[in-house]
Amino acid sequence: MGKGGALSEGVLKKIVLSYTYVAIWIFLSFTVIVYNKYILDRKLYNWPYPISLTMIHMAFCSSLAYILVRIFKALMPVAVYTIGVLFKKEDWLLIAFSWSVIMDTVTPINLVGYALAFLGVAYYNHSKLMALKAKDAQKKSQQPDDEEAGRLLEQREGENNGAKKSESQN
């Protein structure tokens, strides 16, 4: 951790990358919802089997997730579960469906549940970030100051080199 409680560059890159992935996920989820609405519209495509759209979508997402997990081993299992809780596709599709297609309001109980889930995930991620900051600060505190360590290293190397030269002369 740098001066003033700033994050290290590596941690900051991970945070920005995580938010980028979440933004892409939300955008793609939104496009799938809108596209499914047009496919199910009676005037446009008139697809008669709405459950098949969900099955195809979930099969595609499952296979893509399996491939991504196999390719990107850097994904932490815990992070996958927290994102899964927050961005569960079926729940968001249900809310979007009830709001846009049926034009019915989402119940306050659903909204409270999502708020609690979001706050729980936010609290978990915050505590995880604080632990990461503490670990980073501990690493930094274990490293000696550069100037003093450099002088001490030069002195020790000078003593060792002098001792080796005197031994080789004998």
N, C-alpha and C. Protein backbone atom coordinates (compact mmCIF):
# COMPACT_ATOMS: atom_id res chain seq x y z
N MET A 1 0.84 -1.17 0.00
CA MET A 1 0.00 0.00 0.00
C MET A 1 0.89 1.23 0.00
N GLY A 2 0.59 2.18 -0.83
CA GLY A 2 1.40 3.37 -0.93
C GLY A 2 1.04 4.39 0.14
N LYS A 3 1.55 5.59 -0.02
CA LYS A 3 1.30 6.65 0.96
C LYS A 3 -0.17 7.06 0.90
N GLY A 4 -0.73 7.39 2.05
CA GLY A 4 -2.10 7.86 2.10
C GLY A 4 -3.13 6.77 1.90
N GLY A 5 -2.77 5.52 2.03
CA GLY A 5 -3.73 4.42 1.89
C GLY A 5 -4.09 4.10 0.45
N ALA A 6 -3.28 4.53 -0.51
CA ALA A 6 -3.57 4.25 -1.91
C ALA A 6 -3.30 2.77 -2.22
N LEU A 7 -3.99 2.28 -3.20
CA LEU A 7 -3.83 0.88 -3.60
C LEU A 7 -2.59 0.72 -4.47
N SER A 8 -2.02 -0.46 -4.42
CA SER A 8 -0.89 -0.73 -5.31
C SER A 8 -1.41 -0.87 -6.74
N GLU A 9 -0.51 -0.77 -7.67
CA GLU A 9 -0.89 -0.78 -9.08
C GLU A 9 -1.52 -2.10 -9.49
N GLY A 10 -1.00 -3.21 -8.97
CA GLY A 10 -1.54 -4.52 -9.32
C GLY A 10 -2.96 -4.71 -8.81
N VAL A 11 -3.23 -4.25 -7.59
CA VAL A 11 -4.57 -4.36 -7.02
C VAL A 11 -5.54 -3.49 -7.80
N LEU A 12 -5.10 -2.29 -8.15
CA LEU A 12 -5.95 -1.37 -8.90
C LEU A 12 -6.30 -1.95 -10.27
N LYS A 13 -5.33 -2.58 -10.93
CA LYS A 13 -5.60 -3.21 -12.23
C LYS A 13 -6.62 -4.33 -12.10
N LYS A 14 -6.51 -5.12 -11.02
CA LYS A 14 -7.47 -6.21 -10.81
C LYS A 14 -8.87 -5.67 -10.59
N ILE A 15 -8.99 -4.58 -9.84
CA ILE A 15 -10.30 -3.99 -9.58
C ILE A 15 -10.91 -3.46 -10.87
N VAL A 16 -10.13 -2.73 -11.66
CA VAL A 16 -10.63 -2.18 -12.92
C VAL A 16 -11.02 -3.31 -13.87
N LEU A 17 -10.22 -4.37 -13.92
CA LEU A 17 -10.54 -5.51 -14.78
C LEU A 17 -11.83 -6.18 -14.33
N SER A 18 -12.03 -6.31 -13.03
CA SER A 18 -13.26 -6.91 -12.52
C SER A 18 -14.48 -6.08 -12.90
N TYR A 19 -14.39 -4.76 -12.73
CA TYR A 19 -15.51 -3.91 -13.10
C TYR A 19 -15.77 -3.94 -14.60
N THR A 20 -14.73 -4.07 -15.39
CA THR A 20 -14.90 -4.18 -16.84
C THR A 20 -15.65 -5.46 -17.19
N TYR A 21 -15.26 -6.57 -16.57
CA TYR A 21 -15.97 -7.83 -16.82
C TYR A 21 -17.43 -7.74 -16.41
N VAL A 22 -17.71 -7.11 -15.29
CA VAL A 22 -19.10 -6.97 -14.83
C VAL A 22 -19.90 -6.11 -15.80
N ALA A 23 -19.31 -5.02 -16.28
CA ALA A 23 -20.00 -4.15 -17.23
C ALA A 23 -20.29 -4.89 -18.54
N ILE A 24 -19.34 -5.67 -19.01
CA ILE A 24 -19.57 -6.46 -20.22
C ILE A 24 -20.68 -7.48 -19.99
N TRP A 25 -20.65 -8.12 -18.82
CA TRP A 25 -21.68 -9.13 -18.48
C TRP A 25 -23.07 -8.49 -18.47
N ILE A 26 -23.21 -7.33 -17.85
CA ILE A 26 -24.50 -6.65 -17.78
C ILE A 26 -24.96 -6.24 -19.17
N PHE A 27 -24.06 -5.72 -19.98
CA PHE A 27 -24.42 -5.31 -21.34
C PHE A 27 -24.90 -6.51 -22.17
N LEU A 28 -24.15 -7.61 -22.11
CA LEU A 28 -24.55 -8.79 -22.87
C LEU A 28 -25.86 -9.37 -22.36
N SER A 29 -26.07 -9.35 -21.06
CA SER A 29 -27.33 -9.83 -20.50
C SER A 29 -28.50 -8.98 -20.98
N PHE A 30 -28.30 -7.67 -21.00
CA PHE A 30 -29.34 -6.78 -21.48
C PHE A 30 -29.67 -7.04 -22.95
N THR A 31 -28.64 -7.23 -23.77
CA THR A 31 -28.90 -7.49 -25.19
C THR A 31 -29.63 -8.81 -25.40
N VAL A 32 -29.31 -9.82 -24.61
CA VAL A 32 -30.02 -11.10 -24.73
C VAL A 32 -31.48 -10.93 -24.35
N ILE A 33 -31.76 -10.18 -23.30
CA ILE A 33 -33.14 -9.96 -22.87
C ILE A 33 -33.94 -9.24 -23.96
N VAL A 34 -33.37 -8.19 -24.52
CA VAL A 34 -34.06 -7.44 -25.57
C VAL A 34 -34.23 -8.30 -26.82
N TYR A 35 -33.20 -9.05 -27.18
CA TYR A 35 -33.29 -9.92 -28.36
C TYR A 35 -34.37 -10.99 -28.17
N ASN A 36 -34.43 -11.58 -26.98
CA ASN A 36 -35.47 -12.58 -26.71
C ASN A 36 -36.86 -11.98 -26.78
N LYS A 37 -36.99 -10.73 -26.37
CA LYS A 37 -38.29 -10.07 -26.46
C LYS A 37 -38.73 -9.95 -27.92
N TYR A 38 -37.80 -9.61 -28.80
CA TYR A 38 -38.15 -9.50 -30.22
C TYR A 38 -38.42 -10.87 -30.84
N ILE A 39 -37.71 -11.88 -30.41
CA ILE A 39 -37.95 -13.22 -30.94
C ILE A 39 -39.34 -13.72 -30.54
N LEU A 40 -39.75 -13.43 -29.32
CA LEU A 40 -41.05 -13.90 -28.84
C LEU A 40 -42.21 -13.02 -29.29
N ASP A 41 -41.93 -11.88 -29.89
CA ASP A 41 -42.99 -10.98 -30.34
C ASP A 41 -43.79 -11.63 -31.46
N ARG A 42 -45.10 -11.57 -31.35
CA ARG A 42 -45.98 -12.22 -32.35
C ARG A 42 -45.90 -11.55 -33.72
N LYS A 43 -45.59 -10.28 -33.76
CA LYS A 43 -45.53 -9.56 -35.03
C LYS A 43 -44.22 -9.79 -35.78
N LEU A 44 -43.14 -10.10 -35.07
CA LEU A 44 -41.84 -10.22 -35.72
C LEU A 44 -41.50 -11.67 -36.05
N TYR A 45 -41.12 -12.46 -35.05
CA TYR A 45 -40.67 -13.83 -35.30
C TYR A 45 -41.70 -14.87 -34.90
N ASN A 46 -42.47 -14.57 -33.89
CA ASN A 46 -43.52 -15.46 -33.39
C ASN A 46 -42.96 -16.84 -33.04
N TRP A 47 -41.91 -16.87 -32.24
CA TRP A 47 -41.33 -18.13 -31.78
C TRP A 47 -42.31 -18.77 -30.80
N PRO A 48 -42.78 -19.98 -31.07
CA PRO A 48 -43.85 -20.55 -30.23
C PRO A 48 -43.36 -21.24 -28.95
N TYR A 49 -42.06 -21.40 -28.76
CA TYR A 49 -41.56 -22.16 -27.61
C TYR A 49 -40.60 -21.30 -26.77
N PRO A 50 -41.13 -20.51 -25.85
CA PRO A 50 -40.25 -19.63 -25.08
C PRO A 50 -39.28 -20.38 -24.16
N ILE A 51 -39.67 -21.55 -23.70
CA ILE A 51 -38.77 -22.29 -22.81
C ILE A 51 -37.53 -22.77 -23.57
N SER A 52 -37.68 -23.01 -24.87
CA SER A 52 -36.52 -23.45 -25.65
C SER A 52 -35.47 -22.34 -25.76
N LEU A 53 -35.92 -21.09 -25.81
CA LEU A 53 -34.96 -19.97 -25.82
C LEU A 53 -34.13 -19.97 -24.55
N THR A 54 -34.79 -20.18 -23.43
CA THR A 54 -34.08 -20.21 -22.15
C THR A 54 -33.12 -21.39 -22.10
N MET A 55 -33.55 -22.53 -22.60
CA MET A 55 -32.69 -23.72 -22.59
C MET A 55 -31.46 -23.51 -23.48
N ILE A 56 -31.67 -22.96 -24.66
CA ILE A 56 -30.55 -22.71 -25.57
C ILE A 56 -29.59 -21.69 -24.95
N HIS A 57 -30.15 -20.65 -24.38
CA HIS A 57 -29.32 -19.62 -23.75
C HIS A 57 -28.51 -20.19 -22.59
N MET A 58 -29.13 -20.97 -21.74
CA MET A 58 -28.42 -21.54 -20.59
C MET A 58 -27.37 -22.57 -21.03
N ALA A 59 -27.67 -23.34 -22.08
CA ALA A 59 -26.68 -24.30 -22.59
C ALA A 59 -25.46 -23.56 -23.15
N PHE A 60 -25.71 -22.49 -23.87
CA PHE A 60 -24.61 -21.70 -24.41
C PHE A 60 -23.78 -21.07 -23.29
N CYS A 61 -24.45 -20.48 -22.30
CA CYS A 61 -23.72 -19.86 -21.17
C CYS A 61 -22.94 -20.90 -20.39
N SER A 62 -23.52 -22.07 -20.19
CA SER A 62 -22.82 -23.11 -19.43
C SER A 62 -21.58 -23.59 -20.17
N SER A 63 -21.72 -23.83 -21.47
CA SER A 63 -20.56 -24.29 -22.24
C SER A 63 -19.48 -23.21 -22.32
N LEU A 64 -19.89 -21.96 -22.50
CA LEU A 64 -18.92 -20.87 -22.53
C LEU A 64 -18.23 -20.70 -21.18
N ALA A 65 -18.98 -20.81 -20.10
CA ALA A 65 -18.38 -20.70 -18.76
C ALA A 65 -17.40 -21.85 -18.51
N TYR A 66 -17.75 -23.04 -18.95
CA TYR A 66 -16.85 -24.18 -18.77
C TYR A 66 -15.54 -23.96 -19.52
N ILE A 67 -15.65 -23.47 -20.75
CA ILE A 67 -14.44 -23.20 -21.54
C ILE A 67 -13.60 -22.09 -20.90
N LEU A 68 -14.26 -21.02 -20.45
CA LEU A 68 -13.52 -19.92 -19.84
C LEU A 68 -12.82 -20.34 -18.56
N VAL A 69 -13.47 -21.17 -17.76
CA VAL A 69 -12.83 -21.63 -16.52
C VAL A 69 -11.64 -22.52 -16.84
N ARG A 70 -11.75 -23.33 -17.87
CA ARG A 70 -10.63 -24.19 -18.25
C ARG A 70 -9.47 -23.38 -18.82
N ILE A 71 -9.78 -22.33 -19.57
CA ILE A 71 -8.73 -21.52 -20.18
C ILE A 71 -8.12 -20.57 -19.15
N PHE A 72 -8.96 -19.85 -18.42
CA PHE A 72 -8.47 -18.87 -17.45
C PHE A 72 -8.47 -19.49 -16.06
N LYS A 73 -7.37 -20.10 -15.71
CA LYS A 73 -7.25 -20.74 -14.40
C LYS A 73 -7.09 -19.71 -13.28
N ALA A 74 -6.88 -18.45 -13.65
CA ALA A 74 -6.66 -17.42 -12.65
C ALA A 74 -7.93 -17.02 -11.91
N LEU A 75 -9.09 -17.48 -12.41
CA LEU A 75 -10.34 -17.14 -11.73
C LEU A 75 -10.37 -17.80 -10.37
N MET A 76 -10.62 -17.00 -9.36
CA MET A 76 -10.72 -17.56 -8.02
C MET A 76 -12.12 -18.14 -7.83
N PRO A 77 -12.24 -19.33 -7.29
CA PRO A 77 -13.57 -19.94 -7.12
C PRO A 77 -14.52 -19.10 -6.27
N VAL A 78 -14.02 -18.43 -5.27
CA VAL A 78 -14.90 -17.64 -4.41
C VAL A 78 -15.47 -16.45 -5.17
N ALA A 79 -14.66 -15.82 -6.00
CA ALA A 79 -15.13 -14.68 -6.77
C ALA A 79 -16.21 -15.09 -7.75
N VAL A 80 -16.10 -16.28 -8.30
CA VAL A 80 -17.12 -16.77 -9.23
C VAL A 80 -18.45 -16.92 -8.50
N TYR A 81 -18.42 -17.43 -7.27
CA TYR A 81 -19.66 -17.60 -6.53
C TYR A 81 -20.29 -16.27 -6.14
N THR A 82 -19.49 -15.28 -5.77
CA THR A 82 -20.07 -13.99 -5.40
C THR A 82 -20.68 -13.31 -6.62
N ILE A 83 -20.04 -13.41 -7.76
CA ILE A 83 -20.61 -12.84 -8.96
C ILE A 83 -21.87 -13.61 -9.35
N GLY A 84 -21.86 -14.92 -9.14
CA GLY A 84 -23.04 -15.73 -9.44
C GLY A 84 -24.24 -15.35 -8.60
N VAL A 85 -24.00 -14.97 -7.35
CA VAL A 85 -25.10 -14.55 -6.49
C VAL A 85 -25.64 -13.21 -6.96
N LEU A 86 -24.76 -12.31 -7.30
CA LEU A 86 -25.19 -10.97 -7.68
C LEU A 86 -25.80 -10.92 -9.07
N PHE A 87 -25.25 -11.65 -10.00
CA PHE A 87 -25.70 -11.56 -11.38
C PHE A 87 -26.28 -12.88 -11.87
N LYS A 88 -27.20 -13.42 -11.15
CA LYS A 88 -27.82 -14.67 -11.55
C LYS A 88 -28.78 -14.38 -12.71
N LYS A 89 -28.51 -15.00 -13.83
CA LYS A 89 -29.24 -14.70 -15.06
C LYS A 89 -30.74 -14.93 -14.94
N GLU A 90 -31.12 -16.06 -14.34
CA GLU A 90 -32.55 -16.39 -14.29
C GLU A 90 -33.34 -15.33 -13.53
N ASP A 91 -32.78 -14.84 -12.44
CA ASP A 91 -33.49 -13.84 -11.65
C ASP A 91 -33.61 -12.52 -12.40
N TRP A 92 -32.53 -12.10 -13.04
CA TRP A 92 -32.60 -10.85 -13.79
C TRP A 92 -33.55 -10.99 -14.99
N LEU A 93 -33.56 -12.15 -15.61
CA LEU A 93 -34.50 -12.37 -16.71
C LEU A 93 -35.93 -12.32 -16.21
N LEU A 94 -36.18 -12.87 -15.03
CA LEU A 94 -37.52 -12.85 -14.45
C LEU A 94 -37.95 -11.42 -14.15
N ILE A 95 -37.06 -10.63 -13.59
CA ILE A 95 -37.41 -9.24 -13.29
C ILE A 95 -37.64 -8.46 -14.58
N ALA A 96 -36.74 -8.63 -15.55
CA ALA A 96 -36.90 -7.91 -16.82
C ALA A 96 -38.16 -8.35 -17.54
N PHE A 97 -38.45 -9.64 -17.47
CA PHE A 97 -39.66 -10.16 -18.12
C PHE A 97 -40.90 -9.59 -17.46
N SER A 98 -40.95 -9.60 -16.14
CA SER A 98 -42.13 -9.10 -15.45
C SER A 98 -42.30 -7.60 -15.64
N TRP A 99 -41.21 -6.88 -15.81
CA TRP A 99 -41.32 -5.44 -15.96
C TRP A 99 -41.63 -5.03 -17.40
N SER A 100 -40.96 -5.64 -18.37
CA SER A 100 -41.10 -5.17 -19.75
C SER A 100 -42.20 -5.86 -20.54
N VAL A 101 -42.36 -7.16 -20.35
CA VAL A 101 -43.33 -7.89 -21.17
C VAL A 101 -44.71 -7.87 -20.54
N ILE A 102 -44.78 -8.22 -19.29
CA ILE A 102 -46.07 -8.29 -18.62
C ILE A 102 -46.53 -6.91 -18.18
N MET A 103 -45.59 -5.98 -18.04
CA MET A 103 -45.84 -4.63 -17.55
C MET A 103 -46.45 -4.65 -16.16
N ASP A 104 -46.02 -5.61 -15.38
CA ASP A 104 -46.46 -5.73 -14.00
C ASP A 104 -45.31 -5.26 -13.12
N THR A 105 -45.64 -4.74 -11.97
CA THR A 105 -44.59 -4.25 -11.09
C THR A 105 -43.90 -5.40 -10.38
N VAL A 106 -42.66 -5.19 -10.09
CA VAL A 106 -41.90 -6.15 -9.30
C VAL A 106 -42.29 -5.93 -7.84
N THR A 107 -42.49 -7.00 -7.12
CA THR A 107 -42.94 -6.86 -5.74
C THR A 107 -41.84 -6.26 -4.87
N PRO A 108 -42.23 -5.54 -3.85
CA PRO A 108 -41.23 -4.97 -2.94
C PRO A 108 -40.38 -6.04 -2.25
N ILE A 109 -40.93 -7.22 -2.05
CA ILE A 109 -40.16 -8.30 -1.43
C ILE A 109 -39.00 -8.69 -2.33
N ASN A 110 -39.23 -8.76 -3.64
CA ASN A 110 -38.15 -9.07 -4.57
C ASN A 110 -37.05 -8.01 -4.52
N LEU A 111 -37.47 -6.76 -4.49
CA LEU A 111 -36.49 -5.67 -4.46
C LEU A 111 -35.68 -5.68 -3.17
N VAL A 112 -36.34 -5.96 -2.04
CA VAL A 112 -35.62 -6.04 -0.76
C VAL A 112 -34.64 -7.20 -0.79
N GLY A 113 -35.07 -8.33 -1.35
CA GLY A 113 -34.18 -9.49 -1.46
C GLY A 113 -32.96 -9.19 -2.30
N TYR A 114 -33.16 -8.53 -3.43
CA TYR A 114 -32.01 -8.17 -4.26
C TYR A 114 -31.13 -7.14 -3.57
N ALA A 115 -31.73 -6.21 -2.86
CA ALA A 115 -30.92 -5.23 -2.13
C ALA A 115 -30.07 -5.92 -1.07
N LEU A 116 -30.65 -6.87 -0.35
CA LEU A 116 -29.89 -7.60 0.66
C LEU A 116 -28.77 -8.43 0.03
N ALA A 117 -29.08 -9.08 -1.09
CA ALA A 117 -28.05 -9.87 -1.77
C ALA A 117 -26.93 -8.96 -2.27
N PHE A 118 -27.29 -7.82 -2.84
CA PHE A 118 -26.28 -6.89 -3.33
C PHE A 118 -25.42 -6.36 -2.19
N LEU A 119 -26.07 -5.98 -1.07
CA LEU A 119 -25.31 -5.47 0.07
C LEU A 119 -24.41 -6.55 0.67
N GLY A 120 -24.90 -7.79 0.71
CA GLY A 120 -24.08 -8.88 1.22
C GLY A 120 -22.84 -9.10 0.38
N VAL A 121 -23.01 -9.09 -0.92
CA VAL A 121 -21.86 -9.27 -1.82
C VAL A 121 -20.93 -8.07 -1.73
N ALA A 122 -21.50 -6.88 -1.64
CA ALA A 122 -20.66 -5.68 -1.51
C ALA A 122 -19.85 -5.72 -0.21
N TYR A 123 -20.48 -6.14 0.89
CA TYR A 123 -19.77 -6.24 2.17
C TYR A 123 -18.66 -7.28 2.09
N TYR A 124 -18.97 -8.42 1.47
CA TYR A 124 -17.97 -9.48 1.34
C TYR A 124 -16.78 -8.99 0.51
N ASN A 125 -17.06 -8.34 -0.61
CA ASN A 125 -15.98 -7.84 -1.46
C ASN A 125 -15.19 -6.74 -0.75
N HIS A 126 -15.87 -5.91 0.04
CA HIS A 126 -15.17 -4.87 0.80
C HIS A 126 -14.23 -5.49 1.83
N SER A 127 -14.71 -6.49 2.56
CA SER A 127 -13.85 -7.13 3.56
C SER A 127 -12.69 -7.85 2.89
N LYS A 128 -12.94 -8.43 1.72
CA LYS A 128 -11.87 -9.09 0.97
C LYS A 128 -10.83 -8.07 0.51
N LEU A 129 -11.29 -6.90 0.07
CA LEU A 129 -10.38 -5.84 -0.35
C LEU A 129 -9.56 -5.32 0.83
N MET A 130 -10.19 -5.17 1.99
CA MET A 130 -9.45 -4.72 3.18
C MET A 130 -8.39 -5.74 3.58
N ALA A 131 -8.72 -7.03 3.48
CA ALA A 131 -7.73 -8.07 3.79
C ALA A 131 -6.57 -8.01 2.80
N LEU A 132 -6.88 -7.74 1.54
CA LEU A 132 -5.84 -7.63 0.52
C LEU A 132 -4.95 -6.41 0.79
N LYS A 133 -5.57 -5.30 1.20
CA LYS A 133 -4.79 -4.11 1.55
C LYS A 133 -3.88 -4.39 2.74
N ALA A 134 -4.42 -5.08 3.75
CA ALA A 134 -3.62 -5.40 4.94
C ALA A 134 -2.45 -6.30 4.58
N LYS A 135 -2.69 -7.27 3.71
CA LYS A 135 -1.63 -8.18 3.28
C LYS A 135 -0.56 -7.41 2.51
N ASP A 136 -0.99 -6.49 1.65
CA ASP A 136 -0.05 -5.68 0.89
C ASP A 136 0.76 -4.78 1.82
N ALA A 137 0.11 -4.20 2.83
CA ALA A 137 0.81 -3.35 3.80
C ALA A 137 1.80 -4.17 4.62
N GLN A 138 1.43 -5.39 4.96
CA GLN A 138 2.33 -6.24 5.73
C GLN A 138 3.58 -6.58 4.91
N LYS A 139 3.40 -6.86 3.63
CA LYS A 139 4.55 -7.13 2.76
C LYS A 139 5.47 -5.91 2.70
N LYS A 140 4.87 -4.72 2.55
CA LYS A 140 5.66 -3.50 2.46
C LYS A 140 6.41 -3.23 3.76
N SER A 141 5.76 -3.51 4.90
CA SER A 141 6.42 -3.22 6.18
C SER A 141 7.55 -4.19 6.47
N GLN A 142 7.50 -5.38 5.90
CA GLN A 142 8.56 -6.35 6.11
C GLN A 142 9.80 -6.02 5.29
N GLN A 143 9.63 -5.24 4.25
CA GLN A 143 10.77 -4.85 3.43
C GLN A 143 11.45 -3.65 4.09
N PRO A 144 12.77 -3.68 4.30
CA PRO A 144 13.46 -2.54 4.93
C PRO A 144 13.51 -1.35 3.97
N ASP A 145 13.80 -0.19 4.55
CA ASP A 145 13.96 1.00 3.70
C ASP A 145 15.07 0.74 2.69
N ASP A 146 14.90 1.25 1.51
CA ASP A 146 15.84 0.97 0.43
C ASP A 146 17.24 1.53 0.71
N GLU A 147 17.32 2.75 1.26
CA GLU A 147 18.64 3.35 1.48
C GLU A 147 19.43 2.59 2.52
N GLU A 148 18.79 2.33 3.66
CA GLU A 148 19.50 1.64 4.73
C GLU A 148 19.86 0.21 4.32
N ALA A 149 18.94 -0.46 3.65
CA ALA A 149 19.22 -1.83 3.23
C ALA A 149 20.35 -1.86 2.21
N GLY A 150 20.38 -0.87 1.32
CA GLY A 150 21.44 -0.81 0.33
C GLY A 150 22.81 -0.59 0.97
N ARG A 151 22.87 0.31 1.96
CA ARG A 151 24.14 0.55 2.65
C ARG A 151 24.60 -0.69 3.40
N LEU A 152 23.65 -1.33 4.11
CA LEU A 152 24.00 -2.53 4.87
C LEU A 152 24.47 -3.64 3.94
N LEU A 153 23.82 -3.77 2.80
CA LEU A 153 24.21 -4.79 1.84
C LEU A 153 25.61 -4.52 1.30
N GLU A 154 25.91 -3.24 1.00
CA GLU A 154 27.24 -2.89 0.51
C GLU A 154 28.31 -3.19 1.56
N GLN A 155 28.01 -2.87 2.83
CA GLN A 155 28.97 -3.15 3.90
C GLN A 155 29.22 -4.64 4.03
N ARG A 156 28.17 -5.42 4.02
CA ARG A 156 28.32 -6.87 4.17
C ARG A 156 29.07 -7.46 2.98
N GLU A 157 28.75 -7.00 1.77
CA GLU A 157 29.45 -7.51 0.60
C GLU A 157 30.92 -7.12 0.64
N GLY A 158 31.21 -5.90 1.11
CA GLY A 158 32.59 -5.45 1.23
C GLY A 158 33.36 -6.29 2.24
N GLU A 159 32.73 -6.60 3.37
CA GLU A 159 33.38 -7.44 4.37
C GLU A 159 33.61 -8.85 3.84
N ASN A 160 32.62 -9.40 3.16
CA ASN A 160 32.76 -10.75 2.60
C ASN A 160 33.83 -10.79 1.51
N ASN A 161 33.86 -9.78 0.65
CA ASN A 161 34.88 -9.75 -0.41
C ASN A 161 36.27 -9.60 0.18
N GLY A 162 36.43 -8.77 1.23
CA GLY A 162 37.72 -8.60 1.88
C GLY A 162 38.18 -9.87 2.54
N ALA A 163 37.26 -10.60 3.16
CA ALA A 163 37.61 -11.86 3.82
C ALA A 163 38.00 -12.91 2.79
N LYS A 164 37.32 -12.94 1.66
CA LYS A 164 37.64 -13.91 0.61
C LYS A 164 39.00 -13.61 -0.02
N LYS A 165 39.32 -12.31 -0.20
CA LYS A 165 40.61 -11.95 -0.79
C LYS A 165 41.76 -12.33 0.14
N SER A 166 41.57 -12.10 1.45
CA SER A 166 42.64 -12.45 2.40
C SER A 166 42.83 -13.96 2.49
N GLU A 167 41.75 -14.72 2.37
CA GLU A 167 41.86 -16.18 2.39
C GLU A 167 42.56 -16.69 1.13
N SER A 168 42.28 -16.07 -0.01
CA SER A 168 42.91 -16.52 -1.25
C SER A 168 44.39 -16.16 -1.29
N GLN A 169 44.79 -15.08 -0.60
CA GLN A 169 46.20 -14.70 -0.57
C GLN A 169 47.00 -15.63 0.33
N ASN A 170 46.37 -16.24 1.32
CA ASN A 170 47.09 -17.15 2.24
C ASN A 170 47.28 -18.46 1.62
